[in-house]
Amino acid sequence: MVIPPGAALAAALAVALCAGSSATAATPKARAATKHSGPVEVIAAGSLDTVLSKKVDSAFHRATGYTVSLITGGSGTDAADIKNRIYAEDVFISASPADDKLLMGASNGSWVKWYAAFANSPEVLGYYPKSRFAHDLKTEPWYQVITKSGFLLGRTDPAEDPGGVLAKADLLKAAKEHPKYAKALRKLATETSDEYPEDTEEAGILSGQLDGAFMYEADANSQGSPFVHLTGTDLKGDYTITLLKGSHHTAAADAFIEFLLGKTGKAELRKDHFGIVSPPKVTGSGVPKALKHLFKK
């Protein structure tokens, strides 16, 4: 059968128009559903290790196809490693804005141009549930119990980890407010024998090698450690996220930031009792166009 030229042209135009219309209408959904491959390199505060590696990582991979390569440690150490080019990462997640500032400006290599505060968690005192001081911690002031003879306390190095900065501040504030325990508390705040890397400190609480340790509430929840609130103080870790200069996997990095700050990421953070900053608060300038919608009220 021969199709008249006019009819053939009309049919071709109809098909083309329909195809174009469908493609345009489906573009947003298609972008959301597109599966990718390849890594996104993330360096993050150690207190986020559990929620990122055991929860967010797999969910992000299922949703996007990208794979998270994660390094965790004290945020101060992370910042120094970025600055010294020990790691070439895409995304930096800190437990303190102070560590982002270490990477801002030409004198610091301009690794960070902007950062967004997206979550927080109070500093608490986690403890080993079978410690001989466990009952005391439940019934007596924390600052009194940690000064008892034989109590093994852990905290991180303030030069390496924001949690260590908060722990020292908590101890010095308690010393000022409670003269009876001031000498012992100042000693705990200034000696280095109770300073441990974050992973070692957490392992010490789980194994009983430490009776108690300063940590974020979210961190205690992640590892299943009981804890007491530091009455008389209100210090907390303020978590930030940014895209680092020279990212080699920009599309994957943008996708990761959007995922963590999106519905699924926030849900996982809430499960560990992180406080959510909504919308995330941006400091600096130069947020990528693809991410700007995350920070609008």
Protein backbone atom coordinates (compact mmCIF):
# COMPACT_ATOMS: atom_id res chain seq x y z
CA MET A 1 0.00 0.00 0.00
CA VAL A 2 1.30 3.44 -0.94
CA ILE A 3 0.87 6.20 1.65
CA PRO A 4 0.17 9.61 0.16
CA PRO A 5 3.11 11.99 0.72
CA GLY A 6 0.94 14.46 2.63
CA ALA A 7 -0.32 11.80 5.00
CA ALA A 8 3.21 10.50 5.61
CA LEU A 9 4.46 13.98 6.46
CA ALA A 10 1.54 14.60 8.83
CA ALA A 11 2.13 11.31 10.60
CA ALA A 12 5.83 12.03 10.98
CA LEU A 13 5.14 15.45 12.42
CA ALA A 14 2.60 14.01 14.87
CA VAL A 15 5.07 11.42 16.11
CA ALA A 16 7.82 14.01 16.47
CA LEU A 17 5.57 16.40 18.37
CA CYS A 18 4.33 13.68 20.71
CA ALA A 19 7.85 12.48 21.38
CA GLY A 20 9.05 15.99 22.11
CA SER A 21 6.11 16.66 24.39
CA SER A 22 6.64 13.43 26.34
CA ALA A 23 10.37 14.06 26.73
CA THR A 24 9.76 17.57 28.04
CA ALA A 25 7.09 16.47 30.49
CA ALA A 26 9.17 13.57 31.76
CA THR A 27 12.44 15.43 32.15
CA PRO A 28 12.22 16.21 35.91
CA LYS A 29 11.07 12.70 36.78
CA ALA A 30 13.56 11.16 34.42
CA ARG A 31 16.37 13.09 36.06
CA ALA A 32 15.24 11.95 39.51
CA ALA A 33 15.00 8.33 38.40
CA THR A 34 18.25 8.21 36.42
CA LYS A 35 20.74 5.70 37.77
CA HIS A 36 24.39 6.66 37.71
CA SER A 37 27.67 5.02 38.59
CA GLY A 38 30.94 6.11 40.09
CA PRO A 39 32.12 7.40 43.47
CA VAL A 40 31.60 10.44 45.62
CA GLU A 41 34.47 11.05 48.04
CA VAL A 42 33.24 12.20 51.46
CA ILE A 43 35.35 13.19 54.47
CA ALA A 44 33.28 13.61 57.61
CA ALA A 45 33.27 14.06 61.37
CA GLY A 46 33.76 10.75 63.16
CA SER A 47 30.50 11.15 65.06
CA LEU A 48 28.68 10.72 61.74
CA ASP A 49 30.39 7.47 60.82
CA THR A 50 27.57 5.13 61.84
CA VAL A 51 24.69 7.04 60.31
CA LEU A 52 26.59 7.64 57.08
CA SER A 53 28.22 4.24 56.59
CA LYS A 54 25.39 2.02 57.80
CA LYS A 55 22.31 3.96 56.77
CA VAL A 56 22.78 6.87 54.35
CA ASP A 57 25.42 5.18 52.18
CA SER A 58 23.26 2.24 51.06
CA ALA A 59 20.10 4.32 50.68
CA PHE A 60 21.94 6.88 48.55
CA HIS A 61 23.39 4.12 46.35
CA ARG A 62 19.96 2.55 45.82
CA ALA A 63 18.45 5.91 44.93
CA THR A 64 21.16 7.22 42.60
CA GLY A 65 23.62 4.48 41.69
CA TYR A 66 26.55 6.50 43.04
CA THR A 67 28.83 4.89 45.64
CA VAL A 68 30.07 6.71 48.74
CA SER A 69 33.76 6.47 49.60
CA LEU A 70 33.88 7.61 53.22
CA ILE A 71 36.71 8.77 55.48
CA THR A 72 35.88 9.85 59.05
CA GLY A 73 37.86 11.44 61.85
CA GLY A 74 38.02 14.48 64.08
CA SER A 75 36.87 17.49 62.07
CA GLY A 76 40.00 19.44 62.94
CA THR A 77 42.16 16.61 61.65
CA ASP A 78 39.96 16.31 58.57
CA ALA A 79 40.39 20.01 57.82
CA ALA A 80 44.17 19.76 58.22
CA ASP A 81 44.28 16.74 55.90
CA ILE A 82 42.29 18.60 53.25
CA LYS A 83 44.50 21.66 53.57
CA ASN A 84 47.65 19.55 53.31
CA ARG A 85 46.24 17.69 50.31
CA ILE A 86 46.46 14.32 52.00
CA TYR A 87 43.00 13.54 50.67
CA ALA A 88 41.32 14.77 47.49
CA GLU A 89 37.68 14.68 48.57
CA ASP A 90 34.47 16.06 47.09
CA VAL A 91 32.38 16.74 50.21
CA PHE A 92 33.40 17.83 53.71
CA ILE A 93 31.03 17.35 56.66
CA SER A 94 32.23 18.99 59.86
CA ALA A 95 31.02 18.99 63.46
CA SER A 96 31.94 22.67 63.83
CA PRO A 97 31.87 25.73 61.53
CA ALA A 98 35.28 26.63 62.99
CA ASP A 99 36.81 23.82 60.95
CA ASP A 100 35.25 25.10 57.72
CA LYS A 101 36.75 28.50 58.44
CA LEU A 102 40.19 26.88 58.58
CA LEU A 103 39.75 26.16 54.87
CA MET A 104 38.32 29.51 53.75
CA GLY A 105 40.21 32.37 52.15
CA ALA A 106 43.23 32.51 49.87
CA SER A 107 45.68 32.06 52.75
CA ASN A 108 43.98 28.75 53.55
CA GLY A 109 43.82 27.52 49.98
CA SER A 110 40.18 28.54 49.42
CA TRP A 111 39.13 24.91 49.77
CA VAL A 112 35.79 26.05 51.15
CA LYS A 113 33.80 28.99 49.77
CA TRP A 114 30.51 28.24 51.51
CA TYR A 115 29.11 25.83 54.05
CA ALA A 116 25.64 24.99 55.28
CA ALA A 117 24.71 24.21 58.89
CA PHE A 118 22.19 21.36 58.69
CA ALA A 119 22.12 19.51 62.04
CA ASN A 120 23.23 19.63 65.66
CA SER A 121 23.61 17.40 68.69
CA PRO A 122 24.23 18.18 72.39
CA GLU A 123 27.41 17.11 74.15
CA VAL A 124 26.66 14.38 76.73
CA LEU A 125 28.55 11.95 78.95
CA GLY A 126 28.25 8.41 77.61
CA TYR A 127 29.11 5.59 79.98
CA TYR A 128 29.78 1.87 80.12
CA PRO A 129 26.54 0.29 81.39
CA LYS A 130 28.39 -2.22 83.62
CA SER A 131 30.75 0.36 85.09
CA ARG A 132 30.86 0.40 88.88
CA PHE A 133 30.03 4.10 88.54
CA ALA A 134 26.94 3.57 86.35
CA HIS A 135 24.49 3.86 89.26
CA ASP A 136 26.27 6.95 90.55
CA LEU A 137 25.94 8.63 87.16
CA LYS A 138 22.20 8.01 87.23
CA THR A 139 21.75 9.43 90.72
CA GLU A 140 24.49 12.00 91.32
CA PRO A 141 25.74 15.09 89.45
CA TRP A 142 27.99 14.11 86.54
CA TYR A 143 30.72 16.55 87.57
CA GLN A 144 30.91 14.90 91.00
CA VAL A 145 31.02 11.31 89.73
CA ILE A 146 33.83 11.85 87.21
CA THR A 147 36.10 13.20 89.95
CA LYS A 148 35.78 10.04 92.07
CA SER A 149 38.88 7.95 92.59
CA GLY A 150 39.25 5.28 89.94
CA PHE A 151 36.84 6.81 87.42
CA LEU A 152 38.30 6.40 83.93
CA LEU A 153 37.25 9.33 81.75
CA GLY A 154 37.77 9.83 78.04
CA ARG A 155 37.62 12.86 75.77
CA THR A 156 39.07 13.75 72.40
CA ASP A 157 41.97 16.10 71.72
CA PRO A 158 40.67 19.70 71.34
CA ALA A 159 43.29 20.30 68.65
CA GLU A 160 41.83 17.53 66.52
CA ASP A 161 38.13 17.32 67.29
CA PRO A 162 35.38 19.86 68.06
CA GLY A 163 33.97 17.45 70.62
CA GLY A 164 37.21 17.77 72.55
CA VAL A 165 36.83 21.54 72.53
CA LEU A 166 33.33 21.23 73.99
CA ALA A 167 34.43 18.68 76.60
CA LYS A 168 37.18 20.98 77.85
CA ALA A 169 34.74 23.89 77.99
CA ASP A 170 32.22 21.78 79.91
CA LEU A 171 34.84 20.78 82.48
CA LEU A 172 36.11 24.33 82.99
CA LYS A 173 32.59 25.70 83.33
CA ALA A 174 31.72 23.05 85.90
CA ALA A 175 34.95 23.86 87.77
CA LYS A 176 33.96 27.51 87.93
CA GLU A 177 30.45 26.77 89.16
CA HIS A 178 31.29 24.03 91.67
CA PRO A 179 34.29 25.08 93.82
CA LYS A 180 34.27 21.84 95.81
CA TYR A 181 35.28 19.90 92.69
CA ALA A 182 37.12 22.71 90.91
CA LYS A 183 40.68 21.41 91.34
CA ALA A 184 39.84 17.91 90.10
CA LEU A 185 37.76 19.21 87.18
CA ARG A 186 40.50 21.61 86.05
CA LYS A 187 42.97 18.75 86.11
CA LEU A 188 40.67 16.64 83.93
CA ALA A 189 40.31 19.58 81.54
CA THR A 190 44.04 20.16 81.13
CA GLU A 191 45.78 16.80 81.43
CA THR A 192 46.35 14.79 78.27
CA SER A 193 46.18 11.30 79.77
CA ASP A 194 42.40 11.25 79.27
CA GLU A 195 42.61 12.27 75.58
CA TYR A 196 41.93 9.59 72.97
CA PRO A 197 41.26 9.42 69.23
CA GLU A 198 37.50 9.37 68.64
CA ASP A 199 37.36 5.72 67.54
CA THR A 200 39.44 4.61 70.54
CA GLU A 201 37.25 6.58 72.91
CA GLU A 202 34.06 5.03 71.55
CA ALA A 203 35.58 1.53 71.67
CA GLY A 204 36.63 2.16 75.27
CA ILE A 205 33.04 2.87 76.30
CA LEU A 206 31.72 -0.21 74.51
CA SER A 207 34.37 -2.51 75.99
CA GLY A 208 34.47 -1.08 79.50
CA GLN A 209 38.03 0.20 79.29
CA LEU A 210 36.54 3.60 80.11
CA ASP A 211 33.82 4.36 82.63
CA GLY A 212 32.60 7.44 80.81
CA ALA A 213 33.42 9.67 77.86
CA PHE A 214 32.26 12.95 76.40
CA MET A 215 30.43 12.51 73.10
CA TYR A 216 27.52 13.85 71.12
CA GLU A 217 24.07 12.55 72.02
CA ALA A 218 23.58 11.41 68.43
CA ASP A 219 26.86 9.49 68.63
CA ALA A 220 25.78 7.79 71.85
CA ASN A 221 22.50 6.80 70.22
CA SER A 222 24.30 5.46 67.15
CA GLN A 223 26.49 3.12 69.18
CA GLY A 224 23.84 2.24 71.76
CA SER A 225 25.62 3.76 74.75
CA PRO A 226 23.63 5.02 77.75
CA PHE A 227 24.38 8.62 78.65
CA VAL A 228 23.59 11.46 81.02
CA HIS A 229 23.00 15.05 80.05
CA LEU A 230 25.58 17.59 81.18
CA THR A 231 23.36 19.62 83.47
CA GLY A 232 24.55 23.19 83.76
CA THR A 233 25.87 23.33 80.19
CA ASP A 234 24.21 23.62 76.81
CA LEU A 235 27.07 23.08 74.37
CA LYS A 236 26.44 21.17 71.17
CA GLY A 237 28.07 20.10 67.94
CA ASP A 238 26.93 22.08 64.90
CA TYR A 239 27.21 20.01 61.73
CA THR A 240 27.97 21.61 58.38
CA ILE A 241 28.36 20.37 54.83
CA THR A 242 30.12 21.81 51.79
CA LEU A 243 31.46 21.01 48.34
CA LEU A 244 35.25 21.25 48.30
CA LYS A 245 37.30 23.11 45.71
CA GLY A 246 38.52 20.91 42.88
CA SER A 247 35.89 18.20 43.32
CA HIS A 248 36.47 15.48 40.72
CA HIS A 249 32.94 14.10 41.01
CA THR A 250 30.81 17.24 41.11
CA ALA A 251 27.55 15.69 39.88
CA ALA A 252 27.83 12.87 42.42
CA ALA A 253 28.77 15.35 45.17
CA ASP A 254 25.77 17.55 44.39
CA ALA A 255 23.55 14.46 44.45
CA PHE A 256 24.96 13.35 47.81
CA ILE A 257 24.46 16.76 49.43
CA GLU A 258 20.92 16.93 48.07
CA PHE A 259 20.19 13.42 49.35
CA LEU A 260 21.59 13.99 52.86
CA LEU A 261 19.67 17.25 53.23
CA GLY A 262 16.55 15.73 51.68
CA LYS A 263 13.70 13.67 53.11
CA THR A 264 15.54 10.34 53.47
CA GLY A 265 18.76 11.82 54.82
CA LYS A 266 16.93 13.92 57.41
CA ALA A 267 14.84 10.93 58.48
CA GLU A 268 17.99 8.89 59.18
CA LEU A 269 19.52 11.77 61.13
CA ARG A 270 16.38 12.15 63.23
CA LYS A 271 16.46 8.44 64.11
CA ASP A 272 19.79 9.09 65.86
CA HIS A 273 18.29 12.17 67.55
CA PHE A 274 20.15 14.78 65.54
CA GLY A 275 18.48 18.16 65.66
CA ILE A 276 17.66 19.32 62.12
CA VAL A 277 18.30 22.86 60.90
CA SER A 278 15.54 23.63 58.41
CA PRO A 279 16.28 25.12 56.03
CA PRO A 280 20.05 24.67 56.34
CA LYS A 281 21.81 27.97 57.04
CA VAL A 282 24.45 29.01 54.51
CA THR A 283 27.60 30.94 55.33
CA GLY A 284 29.78 32.28 52.50
CA SER A 285 28.93 32.42 48.80
CA GLY A 286 29.12 30.36 45.65
CA VAL A 287 26.53 27.66 46.33
CA PRO A 288 26.12 25.65 43.09
CA LYS A 289 22.94 26.41 41.18
CA ALA A 290 21.82 22.79 41.48
CA LEU A 291 21.80 23.07 45.29
CA LYS A 292 20.37 26.54 45.90
CA HIS A 293 16.81 25.24 46.28
CA LEU A 294 17.86 23.36 49.41
CA PHE A 295 18.52 26.57 51.31
CA LYS A 296 15.35 28.51 50.50
CA LYS A 297 12.68 29.08 53.13
